[in-house]
Amino acid sequence: MFKVPERFRESDGIMGSDSSIGNAGVFNFPSVIKGRMLHAIASDGSGYDHVSVYASKHNERYIPRWGDMCLVKDLFWGEDDTVIQFHPKHSEYVNINEFVLHLWRKQGVEYELPPRTLI
């Protein structure tokens, strides 16, 4: 089940919001790497739950690490939810920021996974 970590919601500035808009908003929280922060934008429109995230330290941006993405998954979804990072065909690429990764979950669908020995 998609949820948002309200304690990390950005309430000020142009992207600020509150819980009245539901599961959409900007969220800032510590990375698993000491000194870094994670910055996420969450939404649940168009039939998908979606979180985009990048890491930063001071004014430098970084691609989130595996541990960061596991943290994001745990903060925004339940432990029994499967979420996906898509790698679409090149003609479908949309890359606005080279440091941002995305997690997706189609609402109301249980993804079929490969056999456990292959994961």
PDB file of N, CA and C in Angstrom:
ATOM      1  N   MET A   1       0.840  -1.181   0.000  1.00  0.00           N
ATOM      2  CA  MET A   1       0.000   0.000   0.000  1.00  0.00           C
ATOM      3  C   MET A   1       0.885   1.244   0.000  1.00  0.00           C
ATOM      4  N   PHE A   2       0.607   2.149  -0.901  1.00  0.00           N
ATOM      5  CA  PHE A   2       1.376   3.383  -1.020  1.00  0.00           C
ATOM      6  C   PHE A   2       1.047   4.312   0.138  1.00  0.00           C
ATOM      7  N   LYS A   3       2.083   4.890   0.695  1.00  0.00           N
ATOM      8  CA  LYS A   3       1.933   5.833   1.804  1.00  0.00           C
ATOM      9  C   LYS A   3       3.063   6.839   1.692  1.00  0.00           C
ATOM     10  N   VAL A   4       2.944   7.941   2.386  1.00  0.00           N
ATOM     11  CA  VAL A   4       4.024   8.926   2.374  1.00  0.00           C
ATOM     12  C   VAL A   4       4.488   9.183   3.806  1.00  0.00           C
ATOM     13  N   PRO A   5       5.785   9.440   3.974  1.00  0.00           N
ATOM     14  CA  PRO A   5       6.325   9.726   5.310  1.00  0.00           C
ATOM     15  C   PRO A   5       6.090  11.193   5.679  1.00  0.00           C
ATOM     16  N   GLU A   6       4.945  11.480   6.268  1.00  0.00           N
ATOM     17  CA  GLU A   6       4.545  12.861   6.553  1.00  0.00           C
ATOM     18  C   GLU A   6       5.611  13.652   7.313  1.00  0.00           C
ATOM     19  N   ARG A   7       6.356  12.986   8.195  1.00  0.00           N
ATOM     20  CA  ARG A   7       7.362  13.705   8.994  1.00  0.00           C
ATOM     21  C   ARG A   7       8.465  14.311   8.127  1.00  0.00           C
ATOM     22  N   PHE A   8       8.601  13.825   6.878  1.00  0.00           N
ATOM     23  CA  PHE A   8       9.631  14.338   5.983  1.00  0.00           C
ATOM     24  C   PHE A   8       9.061  15.236   4.881  1.00  0.00           C
ATOM     25  N   ARG A   9       7.760  15.527   4.928  1.00  0.00           N
ATOM     26  CA  ARG A   9       7.126  16.343   3.885  1.00  0.00           C
ATOM     27  C   ARG A   9       7.661  17.766   3.921  1.00  0.00           C
ATOM     28  N   GLU A  10       7.959  18.304   2.741  1.00  0.00           N
ATOM     29  CA  GLU A  10       8.376  19.699   2.604  1.00  0.00           C
ATOM     30  C   GLU A  10       7.116  20.556   2.620  1.00  0.00           C
ATOM     31  N   SER A  11       7.026  21.444   3.600  1.00  0.00           N
ATOM     32  CA  SER A  11       5.814  22.256   3.736  1.00  0.00           C
ATOM     33  C   SER A  11       6.012  23.700   3.279  1.00  0.00           C
ATOM     34  N   ASP A  12       7.235  24.089   3.007  1.00  0.00           N
ATOM     35  CA  ASP A  12       7.531  25.466   2.602  1.00  0.00           C
ATOM     36  C   ASP A  12       7.984  25.521   1.146  1.00  0.00           C
ATOM     37  N   GLY A  13       8.015  26.716   0.603  1.00  0.00           N
ATOM     38  CA  GLY A  13       8.531  26.932  -0.738  1.00  0.00           C
ATOM     39  C   GLY A  13       7.530  26.599  -1.827  1.00  0.00           C
ATOM     40  N   ILE A  14       7.986  26.718  -3.044  1.00  0.00           N
ATOM     41  CA  ILE A  14       7.121  26.552  -4.210  1.00  0.00           C
ATOM     42  C   ILE A  14       6.558  25.133  -4.315  1.00  0.00           C
ATOM     43  N   MET A  15       7.293  24.133  -3.813  1.00  0.00           N
ATOM     44  CA  MET A  15       6.840  22.742  -3.864  1.00  0.00           C
ATOM     45  C   MET A  15       6.253  22.275  -2.536  1.00  0.00           C
ATOM     46  N   GLY A  16       6.097  23.185  -1.590  1.00  0.00           N
ATOM     47  CA  GLY A  16       5.573  22.825  -0.278  1.00  0.00           C
ATOM     48  C   GLY A  16       4.121  22.374  -0.341  1.00  0.00           C
ATOM     49  N   SER A  17       3.750  21.478   0.564  1.00  0.00           N
ATOM     50  CA  SER A  17       2.377  20.975   0.618  1.00  0.00           C
ATOM     51  C   SER A  17       2.089  20.474   2.027  1.00  0.00           C
ATOM     52  N   ASP A  18       0.854  20.027   2.228  1.00  0.00           N
ATOM     53  CA  ASP A  18       0.497  19.379   3.491  1.00  0.00           C
ATOM     54  C   ASP A  18      -0.305  18.123   3.172  1.00  0.00           C
ATOM     55  N   SER A  19      -0.683  17.398   4.198  1.00  0.00           N
ATOM     56  CA  SER A  19      -1.348  16.109   4.005  1.00  0.00           C
ATOM     57  C   SER A  19      -2.710  16.223   3.322  1.00  0.00           C
ATOM     58  N   SER A  20      -3.250  17.430   3.212  1.00  0.00           N
ATOM     59  CA  SER A  20      -4.566  17.582   2.584  1.00  0.00           C
ATOM     60  C   SER A  20      -4.555  17.209   1.104  1.00  0.00           C
ATOM     61  N   ILE A  21      -3.378  17.180   0.478  1.00  0.00           N
ATOM     62  CA  ILE A  21      -3.322  16.791  -0.936  1.00  0.00           C
ATOM     63  C   ILE A  21      -3.051  15.298  -1.110  1.00  0.00           C
ATOM     64  N   GLY A  22      -3.017  14.573  -0.017  1.00  0.00           N
ATOM     65  CA  GLY A  22      -2.863  13.118  -0.101  1.00  0.00           C
ATOM     66  C   GLY A  22      -1.429  12.669  -0.273  1.00  0.00           C
ATOM     67  N   ASN A  23      -1.233  11.699  -1.168  1.00  0.00           N
ATOM     68  CA  ASN A  23       0.072  11.054  -1.334  1.00  0.00           C
ATOM     69  C   ASN A  23       0.981  11.740  -2.337  1.00  0.00           C
ATOM     70  N   ALA A  24       0.770  12.994  -2.595  1.00  0.00           N
ATOM     71  CA  ALA A  24       1.640  13.738  -3.498  1.00  0.00           C
ATOM     72  C   ALA A  24       2.423  14.758  -2.689  1.00  0.00           C
ATOM     73  N   GLY A  25       3.641  15.043  -3.137  1.00  0.00           N
ATOM     74  CA  GLY A  25       4.423  16.064  -2.468  1.00  0.00           C
ATOM     75  C   GLY A  25       5.913  15.823  -2.579  1.00  0.00           C
ATOM     76  N   VAL A  26       6.656  16.714  -1.934  1.00  0.00           N
ATOM     77  CA  VAL A  26       8.118  16.648  -1.871  1.00  0.00           C
ATOM     78  C   VAL A  26       8.504  16.223  -0.467  1.00  0.00           C
ATOM     79  N   PHE A  27       9.496  15.334  -0.380  1.00  0.00           N
ATOM     80  CA  PHE A  27       9.928  14.788   0.900  1.00  0.00           C
ATOM     81  C   PHE A  27      11.449  14.778   0.943  1.00  0.00           C
ATOM     82  N   ASN A  28      12.022  15.251   2.053  1.00  0.00           N
ATOM     83  CA  ASN A  28      13.468  15.303   2.233  1.00  0.00           C
ATOM     84  C   ASN A  28      13.833  14.539   3.492  1.00  0.00           C
ATOM     85  N   PHE A  29      14.793  13.614   3.388  1.00  0.00           N
ATOM     86  CA  PHE A  29      15.160  12.775   4.531  1.00  0.00           C
ATOM     87  C   PHE A  29      16.596  12.284   4.369  1.00  0.00           C
ATOM     88  N   PRO A  30      17.212  11.858   5.477  1.00  0.00           N
ATOM     89  CA  PRO A  30      18.619  11.436   5.427  1.00  0.00           C
ATOM     90  C   PRO A  30      18.823  10.181   4.578  1.00  0.00           C
ATOM     91  N   SER A  31      19.911  10.187   3.846  1.00  0.00           N
ATOM     92  CA  SER A  31      20.364   9.030   3.082  1.00  0.00           C
ATOM     93  C   SER A  31      20.931   7.982   4.031  1.00  0.00           C
ATOM     94  N   VAL A  32      21.151   6.791   3.521  1.00  0.00           N
ATOM     95  CA  VAL A  32      21.864   5.780   4.302  1.00  0.00           C
ATOM     96  C   VAL A  32      23.353   6.114   4.374  1.00  0.00           C
ATOM     97  N   ILE A  33      23.805   7.042   3.523  1.00  0.00           N
ATOM     98  CA  ILE A  33      25.198   7.487   3.532  1.00  0.00           C
ATOM     99  C   ILE A  33      25.281   8.747   4.378  1.00  0.00           C
ATOM    100  N   LYS A  34      26.076   8.692   5.426  1.00  0.00           N
ATOM    101  CA  LYS A  34      26.186   9.803   6.372  1.00  0.00           C
ATOM    102  C   LYS A  34      26.521  11.109   5.650  1.00  0.00           C
ATOM    103  N   GLY A  35      25.780  12.149   6.001  1.00  0.00           N
ATOM    104  CA  GLY A  35      26.014  13.470   5.438  1.00  0.00           C
ATOM    105  C   GLY A  35      25.229  13.772   4.176  1.00  0.00           C
ATOM    106  N   ARG A  36      24.628  12.769   3.575  1.00  0.00           N
ATOM    107  CA  ARG A  36      23.829  12.980   2.367  1.00  0.00           C
ATOM    108  C   ARG A  36      22.349  13.033   2.720  1.00  0.00           C
ATOM    109  N   MET A  37      21.607  13.726   1.881  1.00  0.00           N
ATOM    110  CA  MET A  37      20.152  13.799   2.000  1.00  0.00           C
ATOM    111  C   MET A  37      19.533  13.209   0.739  1.00  0.00           C
ATOM    112  N   LEU A  38      18.330  12.693   0.901  1.00  0.00           N
ATOM    113  CA  LEU A  38      17.540  12.230  -0.231  1.00  0.00           C
ATOM    114  C   LEU A  38      16.372  13.183  -0.428  1.00  0.00           C
ATOM    115  N   HIS A  39      16.070  13.456  -1.684  1.00  0.00           N
ATOM    116  CA  HIS A  39      15.001  14.381  -2.050  1.00  0.00           C
ATOM    117  C   HIS A  39      14.060  13.629  -2.983  1.00  0.00           C
ATOM    118  N   ALA A  40      12.813  13.479  -2.573  1.00  0.00           N
ATOM    119  CA  ALA A  40      11.859  12.666  -3.325  1.00  0.00           C
ATOM    120  C   ALA A  40      10.619  13.472  -3.683  1.00  0.00           C
ATOM    121  N   ILE A  41      10.069  13.164  -4.841  1.00  0.00           N
ATOM    122  CA  ILE A  41       8.768  13.683  -5.253  1.00  0.00           C
ATOM    123  C   ILE A  41       7.861  12.471  -5.434  1.00  0.00           C
ATOM    124  N   ALA A  42       6.742  12.462  -4.730  1.00  0.00           N
ATOM    125  CA  ALA A  42       5.806  11.341  -4.780  1.00  0.00           C
ATOM    126  C   ALA A  42       4.506  11.766  -5.448  1.00  0.00           C
ATOM    127  N   SER A  43       3.887  10.814  -6.138  1.00  0.00           N
ATOM    128  CA  SER A  43       2.569  11.047  -6.730  1.00  0.00           C
ATOM    129  C   SER A  43       1.849   9.711  -6.852  1.00  0.00           C
ATOM    130  N   ASP A  44       0.530   9.784  -6.962  1.00  0.00           N
ATOM    131  CA  ASP A  44      -0.258   8.558  -7.117  1.00  0.00           C
ATOM    132  C   ASP A  44      -1.371   8.733  -8.144  1.00  0.00           C
ATOM    133  N   GLY A  45      -1.115   9.553  -9.143  1.00  0.00           N
ATOM    134  CA  GLY A  45      -2.101   9.772 -10.197  1.00  0.00           C
ATOM    135  C   GLY A  45      -1.875   8.867 -11.395  1.00  0.00           C
ATOM    136  N   SER A  46      -2.803   8.868 -12.318  1.00  0.00           N
ATOM    137  CA  SER A  46      -2.731   8.131 -13.581  1.00  0.00           C
ATOM    138  C   SER A  46      -2.594   6.625 -13.404  1.00  0.00           C
ATOM    139  N   GLY A  47      -3.048   6.101 -12.264  1.00  0.00           N
ATOM    140  CA  GLY A  47      -3.022   4.661 -12.060  1.00  0.00           C
ATOM    141  C   GLY A  47      -1.722   4.087 -11.546  1.00  0.00           C
ATOM    142  N   TYR A  48      -0.759   4.953 -11.235  1.00  0.00           N
ATOM    143  CA  TYR A  48       0.537   4.502 -10.732  1.00  0.00           C
ATOM    144  C   TYR A  48       0.907   5.234  -9.455  1.00  0.00           C
ATOM    145  N   ASP A  49       1.541   4.505  -8.534  1.00  0.00           N
ATOM    146  CA  ASP A  49       2.237   5.125  -7.409  1.00  0.00           C
ATOM    147  C   ASP A  49       3.667   5.321  -7.880  1.00  0.00           C
ATOM    148  N   HIS A  50       4.220   6.511  -7.660  1.00  0.00           N
ATOM    149  CA  HIS A  50       5.528   6.848  -8.230  1.00  0.00           C
ATOM    150  C   HIS A  50       6.321   7.706  -7.262  1.00  0.00           C
ATOM    151  N   VAL A  51       7.605   7.405  -7.130  1.00  0.00           N
ATOM    152  CA  VAL A  51       8.521   8.247  -6.364  1.00  0.00           C
ATOM    153  C   VAL A  51       9.786   8.435  -7.185  1.00  0.00           C
ATOM    154  N   SER A  52      10.165   9.684  -7.414  1.00  0.00           N
ATOM    155  CA  SER A  52      11.458  10.001  -8.023  1.00  0.00           C
ATOM    156  C   SER A  52      12.360  10.527  -6.916  1.00  0.00           C
ATOM    157  N   VAL A  53      13.649  10.199  -6.983  1.00  0.00           N
ATOM    158  CA  VAL A  53      14.541  10.535  -5.877  1.00  0.00           C
ATOM    159  C   VAL A  53      15.966  10.792  -6.370  1.00  0.00           C
ATOM    160  N   TYR A  54      16.615  11.782  -5.748  1.00  0.00           N
ATOM    161  CA  TYR A  54      18.048  11.995  -5.959  1.00  0.00           C
ATOM    162  C   TYR A  54      18.687  12.260  -4.605  1.00  0.00           C
ATOM    163  N   ALA A  55      20.003  12.124  -4.561  1.00  0.00           N
ATOM    164  CA  ALA A  55      20.760  12.342  -3.331  1.00  0.00           C
ATOM    165  C   ALA A  55      21.584  13.615  -3.470  1.00  0.00           C
ATOM    166  N   SER A  56      21.884  14.252  -2.329  1.00  0.00           N
ATOM    167  CA  SER A  56      22.744  15.437  -2.357  1.00  0.00           C
ATOM    168  C   SER A  56      23.569  15.526  -1.079  1.00  0.00           C
ATOM    169  N   LYS A  57      24.664  16.251  -1.200  1.00  0.00           N
ATOM    170  CA  LYS A  57      25.483  16.634  -0.053  1.00  0.00           C
ATOM    171  C   LYS A  57      25.971  18.033  -0.361  1.00  0.00           C
ATOM    172  N   HIS A  58      25.590  18.972   0.467  1.00  0.00           N
ATOM    173  CA  HIS A  58      25.839  20.397   0.217  1.00  0.00           C
ATOM    174  C   HIS A  58      25.200  20.752  -1.122  1.00  0.00           C
ATOM    175  N   ASN A  59      25.951  21.233  -2.091  1.00  0.00           N
ATOM    176  CA  ASN A  59      25.370  21.605  -3.384  1.00  0.00           C
ATOM    177  C   ASN A  59      25.634  20.572  -4.474  1.00  0.00           C
ATOM    178  N   GLU A  60      26.179  19.415  -4.118  1.00  0.00           N
ATOM    179  CA  GLU A  60      26.467  18.361  -5.086  1.00  0.00           C
ATOM    180  C   GLU A  60      25.313  17.364  -5.134  1.00  0.00           C
ATOM    181  N   ARG A  61      24.949  16.940  -6.338  1.00  0.00           N
ATOM    182  CA  ARG A  61      23.901  15.931  -6.509  1.00  0.00           C
ATOM    183  C   ARG A  61      24.536  14.589  -6.849  1.00  0.00           C
ATOM    184  N   TYR A  62      23.871  13.512  -6.409  1.00  0.00           N
ATOM    185  CA  TYR A  62      24.359  12.162  -6.630  1.00  0.00           C
ATOM    186  C   TYR A  62      23.206  11.247  -7.015  1.00  0.00           C
ATOM    187  N   ILE A  63      23.531  10.177  -7.720  1.00  0.00           N
ATOM    188  CA  ILE A  63      22.557   9.121  -7.976  1.00  0.00           C
ATOM    189  C   ILE A  63      22.385   8.339  -6.683  1.00  0.00           C
ATOM    190  N   PRO A  64      21.162   8.063  -6.267  1.00  0.00           N
ATOM    191  CA  PRO A  64      20.959   7.282  -5.042  1.00  0.00           C
ATOM    192  C   PRO A  64      21.581   5.889  -5.153  1.00  0.00           C
ATOM    193  N   ARG A  65      22.093   5.398  -4.037  1.00  0.00           N
ATOM    194  CA  ARG A  65      22.670   4.051  -3.965  1.00  0.00           C
ATOM    195  C   ARG A  65      21.561   3.023  -3.732  1.00  0.00           C
ATOM    196  N   TRP A  66      21.921   1.743  -3.846  1.00  0.00           N
ATOM    197  CA  TRP A  66      20.962   0.656  -3.625  1.00  0.00           C
ATOM    198  C   TRP A  66      20.300   0.796  -2.262  1.00  0.00           C
ATOM    199  N   GLY A  67      21.096   1.028  -1.218  1.00  0.00           N
ATOM    200  CA  GLY A  67      20.539   1.171   0.127  1.00  0.00           C
ATOM    201  C   GLY A  67      19.566   2.330   0.237  1.00  0.00           C
ATOM    202  N   ASP A  68      19.849   3.419  -0.493  1.00  0.00           N
ATOM    203  CA  ASP A  68      18.927   4.558  -0.519  1.00  0.00           C
ATOM    204  C   ASP A  68      17.591   4.154  -1.137  1.00  0.00           C
ATOM    205  N   MET A  69      17.654   3.419  -2.245  1.00  0.00           N
ATOM    206  CA  MET A  69      16.422   3.024  -2.922  1.00  0.00           C
ATOM    207  C   MET A  69      15.623   2.033  -2.068  1.00  0.00           C
ATOM    208  N   CYS A  70      16.315   1.194  -1.304  1.00  0.00           N
ATOM    209  CA  CYS A  70      15.614   0.296  -0.375  1.00  0.00           C
ATOM    210  C   CYS A  70      14.912   1.109   0.709  1.00  0.00           C
ATOM    211  N   LEU A  71      15.578   2.151   1.208  1.00  0.00           N
ATOM    212  CA  LEU A  71      14.970   3.036   2.202  1.00  0.00           C
ATOM    213  C   LEU A  71      13.731   3.716   1.624  1.00  0.00           C
ATOM    214  N   VAL A  72      13.838   4.244   0.410  1.00  0.00           N
ATOM    215  CA  VAL A  72      12.702   4.898  -0.247  1.00  0.00           C
ATOM    216  C   VAL A  72      11.543   3.908  -0.393  1.00  0.00           C
ATOM    217  N   LYS A  73      11.843   2.701  -0.834  1.00  0.00           N
ATOM    218  CA  LYS A  73      10.801   1.681  -0.981  1.00  0.00           C
ATOM    219  C   LYS A  73      10.098   1.450   0.348  1.00  0.00           C
ATOM    220  N   ASP A  74      10.880   1.314   1.421  1.00  0.00           N
ATOM    221  CA  ASP A  74      10.292   1.035   2.737  1.00  0.00           C
ATOM    222  C   ASP A  74       9.502   2.213   3.298  1.00  0.00           C
ATOM    223  N   LEU A  75       9.919   3.442   2.988  1.00  0.00           N
ATOM    224  CA  LEU A  75       9.202   4.620   3.481  1.00  0.00           C
ATOM    225  C   LEU A  75       7.872   4.837   2.765  1.00  0.00           C
ATOM    226  N   PHE A  76       7.823   4.514   1.470  1.00  0.00           N
ATOM    227  CA  PHE A  76       6.654   4.848   0.663  1.00  0.00           C
ATOM    228  C   PHE A  76       5.733   3.663   0.358  1.00  0.00           C
ATOM    229  N   TRP A  77       6.199   2.432   0.566  1.00  0.00           N
ATOM    230  CA  TRP A  77       5.389   1.249   0.293  1.00  0.00           C
ATOM    231  C   TRP A  77       5.488   0.275   1.451  1.00  0.00           C
ATOM    232  N   GLY A  78       4.580  -0.681   1.473  1.00  0.00           N
ATOM    233  CA  GLY A  78       4.602  -1.724   2.487  1.00  0.00           C
ATOM    234  C   GLY A  78       5.655  -2.778   2.181  1.00  0.00           C
ATOM    235  N   GLU A  79       6.000  -3.548   3.194  1.00  0.00           N
ATOM    236  CA  GLU A  79       7.056  -4.549   3.022  1.00  0.00           C
ATOM    237  C   GLU A  79       6.658  -5.666   2.065  1.00  0.00           C
ATOM    238  N   ASP A  80       5.383  -5.868   1.837  1.00  0.00           N
ATOM    239  CA  ASP A  80       4.934  -6.908   0.912  1.00  0.00           C
ATOM    240  C   ASP A  80       4.642  -6.382  -0.489  1.00  0.00           C
ATOM    241  N   ASP A  81       4.889  -5.108  -0.739  1.00  0.00           N
ATOM    242  CA  ASP A  81       4.680  -4.529  -2.066  1.00  0.00           C
ATOM    243  C   ASP A  81       5.917  -4.734  -2.934  1.00  0.00           C
ATOM    244  N   THR A  82       5.677  -5.060  -4.198  1.00  0.00           N
ATOM    245  CA  THR A  82       6.748  -5.111  -5.184  1.00  0.00           C
ATOM    246  C   THR A  82       6.695  -3.818  -5.978  1.00  0.00           C
ATOM    247  N   VAL A  83       7.827  -3.137  -6.094  1.00  0.00           N
ATOM    248  CA  VAL A  83       7.917  -1.927  -6.910  1.00  0.00           C
ATOM    249  C   VAL A  83       8.989  -2.151  -7.968  1.00  0.00           C
ATOM    250  N   ILE A  84       8.945  -1.352  -9.007  1.00  0.00           N
ATOM    251  CA  ILE A  84       9.784  -1.580 -10.181  1.00  0.00           C
ATOM    252  C   ILE A  84      10.515  -0.302 -10.568  1.00  0.00           C
ATOM    253  N   GLN A  85      11.745  -0.485 -11.059  1.00  0.00           N
ATOM    254  CA  GLN A  85      12.480   0.586 -11.731  1.00  0.00           C
ATOM    255  C   GLN A  85      12.508   0.198 -13.210  1.00  0.00           C
ATOM    256  N   PHE A  86      11.888   1.003 -14.050  1.00  0.00           N
ATOM    257  CA  PHE A  86      11.794   0.682 -15.475  1.00  0.00           C
ATOM    258  C   PHE A  86      13.039   1.128 -16.232  1.00  0.00           C
ATOM    259  N   HIS A  87      13.374   0.346 -17.239  1.00  0.00           N
ATOM    260  CA  HIS A  87      14.392   0.723 -18.217  1.00  0.00           C
ATOM    261  C   HIS A  87      13.724   0.603 -19.588  1.00  0.00           C
ATOM    262  N   PRO A  88      13.056   1.666 -20.040  1.00  0.00           N
ATOM    263  CA  PRO A  88      12.289   1.573 -21.291  1.00  0.00           C
ATOM    264  C   PRO A  88      13.195   1.568 -22.523  1.00  0.00           C
ATOM    265  N   LYS A  89      12.589   1.267 -23.650  1.00  0.00           N
ATOM    266  CA  LYS A  89      13.348   1.354 -24.899  1.00  0.00           C
ATOM    267  C   LYS A  89      13.786   2.802 -25.108  1.00  0.00           C
ATOM    268  N   HIS A  90      14.871   2.994 -25.836  1.00  0.00           N
ATOM    269  CA  HIS A  90      15.462   4.327 -25.991  1.00  0.00           C
ATOM    270  C   HIS A  90      14.487   5.358 -26.545  1.00  0.00           C
ATOM    271  N   SER A  91      13.614   4.948 -27.426  1.00  0.00           N
ATOM    272  CA  SER A  91      12.662   5.899 -28.009  1.00  0.00           C
ATOM    273  C   SER A  91      11.657   6.411 -26.982  1.00  0.00           C
ATOM    274  N   GLU A  92      11.567   5.756 -25.828  1.00  0.00           N
ATOM    275  CA  GLU A  92      10.637   6.146 -24.764  1.00  0.00           C
ATOM    276  C   GLU A  92      11.325   6.871 -23.611  1.00  0.00           C
ATOM    277  N   TYR A  93      12.646   7.083 -23.705  1.00  0.00           N
ATOM    278  CA  TYR A  93      13.386   7.709 -22.602  1.00  0.00           C
ATOM    279  C   TYR A  93      12.891   9.122 -22.318  1.00  0.00           C
ATOM    280  N   VAL A  94      12.775   9.443 -21.046  1.00  0.00           N
ATOM    281  CA  VAL A  94      12.551  10.802 -20.577  1.00  0.00           C
ATOM    282  C   VAL A  94      13.560  11.000 -19.458  1.00  0.00           C
ATOM    283  N   ASN A  95      14.581  11.806 -19.690  1.00  0.00           N
ATOM    284  CA  ASN A  95      15.627  11.985 -18.692  1.00  0.00           C
ATOM    285  C   ASN A  95      15.834  13.472 -18.460  1.00  0.00           C
ATOM    286  N   ILE A  96      15.141  14.001 -17.482  1.00  0.00           N
ATOM    287  CA  ILE A  96      15.229  15.421 -17.173  1.00  0.00           C
ATOM    288  C   ILE A  96      16.418  15.705 -16.272  1.00  0.00           C
ATOM    289  N   ASN A  97      16.783  14.742 -15.436  1.00  0.00           N
ATOM    290  CA  ASN A  97      17.889  14.925 -14.495  1.00  0.00           C
ATOM    291  C   ASN A  97      18.659  13.616 -14.398  1.00  0.00           C
ATOM    292  N   GLU A  98      19.943  13.646 -14.726  1.00  0.00           N
ATOM    293  CA  GLU A  98      20.753  12.424 -14.769  1.00  0.00           C
ATOM    294  C   GLU A  98      20.979  11.789 -13.398  1.00  0.00           C
ATOM    295  N   PHE A  99      20.656  12.476 -12.310  1.00  0.00           N
ATOM    296  CA  PHE A  99      20.880  11.947 -10.968  1.00  0.00           C
ATOM    297  C   PHE A  99      19.620  11.353 -10.335  1.00  0.00           C
ATOM    298  N   VAL A 100      18.508  11.376 -11.048  1.00  0.00           N
ATOM    299  CA  VAL A 100      17.230  10.939 -10.482  1.00  0.00           C
ATOM    300  C   VAL A 100      16.915   9.498 -10.889  1.00  0.00           C
ATOM    301  N   LEU A 101      16.498   8.700  -9.895  1.00  0.00           N
ATOM    302  CA  LEU A 101      15.976   7.356 -10.138  1.00  0.00           C
ATOM    303  C   LEU A 101      14.504   7.332  -9.745  1.00  0.00           C
ATOM    304  N   HIS A 102      13.767   6.374 -10.303  1.00  0.00           N
ATOM    305  CA  HIS A 102      12.322   6.308 -10.096  1.00  0.00           C
ATOM    306  C   HIS A 102      11.898   4.916  -9.648  1.00  0.00           C
ATOM    307  N   LEU A 103      10.924   4.861  -8.758  1.00  0.00           N
ATOM    308  CA  LEU A 103      10.262   3.619  -8.377  1.00  0.00           C
ATOM    309  C   LEU A 103       8.785   3.745  -8.729  1.00  0.00           C
ATOM    310  N   TRP A 104       8.213   2.661  -9.250  1.00  0.00           N
ATOM    311  CA  TRP A 104       6.835   2.654  -9.725  1.00  0.00           C
ATOM    312  C   TRP A 104       6.091   1.433  -9.205  1.00  0.00           C
ATOM    313  N   ARG A 105       4.791   1.590  -9.053  1.00  0.00           N
ATOM    314  CA  ARG A 105       3.911   0.454  -8.774  1.00  0.00           C
ATOM    315  C   ARG A 105       2.552   0.757  -9.402  1.00  0.00           C
ATOM    316  N   LYS A 106       2.135  -0.107 -10.322  1.00  0.00           N
ATOM    317  CA  LYS A 106       0.809   0.057 -10.924  1.00  0.00           C
ATOM    318  C   LYS A 106      -0.229  -0.303  -9.872  1.00  0.00           C
ATOM    319  N   GLN A 107      -1.196   0.583  -9.686  1.00  0.00           N
ATOM    320  CA  GLN A 107      -2.220   0.380  -8.660  1.00  0.00           C
ATOM    321  C   GLN A 107      -3.130  -0.784  -9.028  1.00  0.00           C
ATOM    322  N   GLY A 108      -3.421  -1.621  -8.035  1.00  0.00           N
ATOM    323  CA  GLY A 108      -4.340  -2.729  -8.224  1.00  0.00           C
ATOM    324  C   GLY A 108      -3.767  -3.924  -8.959  1.00  0.00           C
ATOM    325  N   VAL A 109      -2.449  -3.946  -9.179  1.00  0.00           N
ATOM    326  CA  VAL A 109      -1.816  -5.036  -9.920  1.00  0.00           C
ATOM    327  C   VAL A 109      -0.747  -5.684  -9.050  1.00  0.00           C
ATOM    328  N   GLU A 110      -0.724  -7.006  -9.061  1.00  0.00           N
ATOM    329  CA  GLU A 110       0.347  -7.748  -8.392  1.00  0.00           C
ATOM    330  C   GLU A 110       1.312  -8.204  -9.483  1.00  0.00           C
ATOM    331  N   TYR A 111       2.558  -7.747  -9.428  1.00  0.00           N
ATOM    332  CA  TYR A 111       3.531  -8.085 -10.461  1.00  0.00           C
ATOM    333  C   TYR A 111       3.950  -9.547 -10.374  1.00  0.00           C
ATOM    334  N   GLU A 112       4.056 -10.169 -11.536  1.00  0.00           N
ATOM    335  CA  GLU A 112       4.598 -11.516 -11.591  1.00  0.00           C
ATOM    336  C   GLU A 112       6.116 -11.411 -11.549  1.00  0.00           C
ATOM    337  N   LEU A 113       6.726 -12.127 -10.633  1.00  0.00           N
ATOM    338  CA  LEU A 113       8.173 -12.102 -10.486  1.00  0.00           C
ATOM    339  C   LEU A 113       8.792 -13.352 -11.090  1.00  0.00           C
ATOM    340  N   PRO A 114      10.066 -13.272 -11.486  1.00  0.00           N
ATOM    341  CA  PRO A 114      10.766 -14.481 -11.928  1.00  0.00           C
ATOM    342  C   PRO A 114      10.881 -15.462 -10.759  1.00  0.00           C
ATOM    343  N   PRO A 115      11.242 -16.705 -11.029  1.00  0.00           N
ATOM    344  CA  PRO A 115      11.468 -17.633  -9.928  1.00  0.00           C
ATOM    345  C   PRO A 115      12.469 -17.059  -8.921  1.00  0.00           C
ATOM    346  N   ARG A 116      12.241 -17.370  -7.671  1.00  0.00           N
ATOM    347  CA  ARG A 116      13.058 -16.811  -6.582  1.00  0.00           C
ATOM    348  C   ARG A 116      14.555 -17.045  -6.793  1.00  0.00           C
ATOM    349  N   THR A 117      14.919 -18.163  -7.386  1.00  0.00           N
ATOM    350  CA  THR A 117      16.333 -18.473  -7.617  1.00  0.00           C
ATOM    351  C   THR A 117      16.986 -17.522  -8.616  1.00  0.00           C
ATOM    352  N   LEU A 118      16.194 -16.784  -9.361  1.00  0.00           N
ATOM    353  CA  LEU A 118      16.723 -15.842 -10.353  1.00  0.00           C
ATOM    354  C   LEU A 118      16.774 -14.407  -9.847  1.00  0.00           C
ATOM    355  N   ILE A 119      16.165 -14.141  -8.713  1.00  0.00           N
ATOM    356  CA  ILE A 119      16.104 -12.766  -8.202  1.00  0.00           C
ATOM    357  C   ILE A 119      17.358 -12.449  -7.410  1.00  0.00           C
TER     358      ILE A 119
END
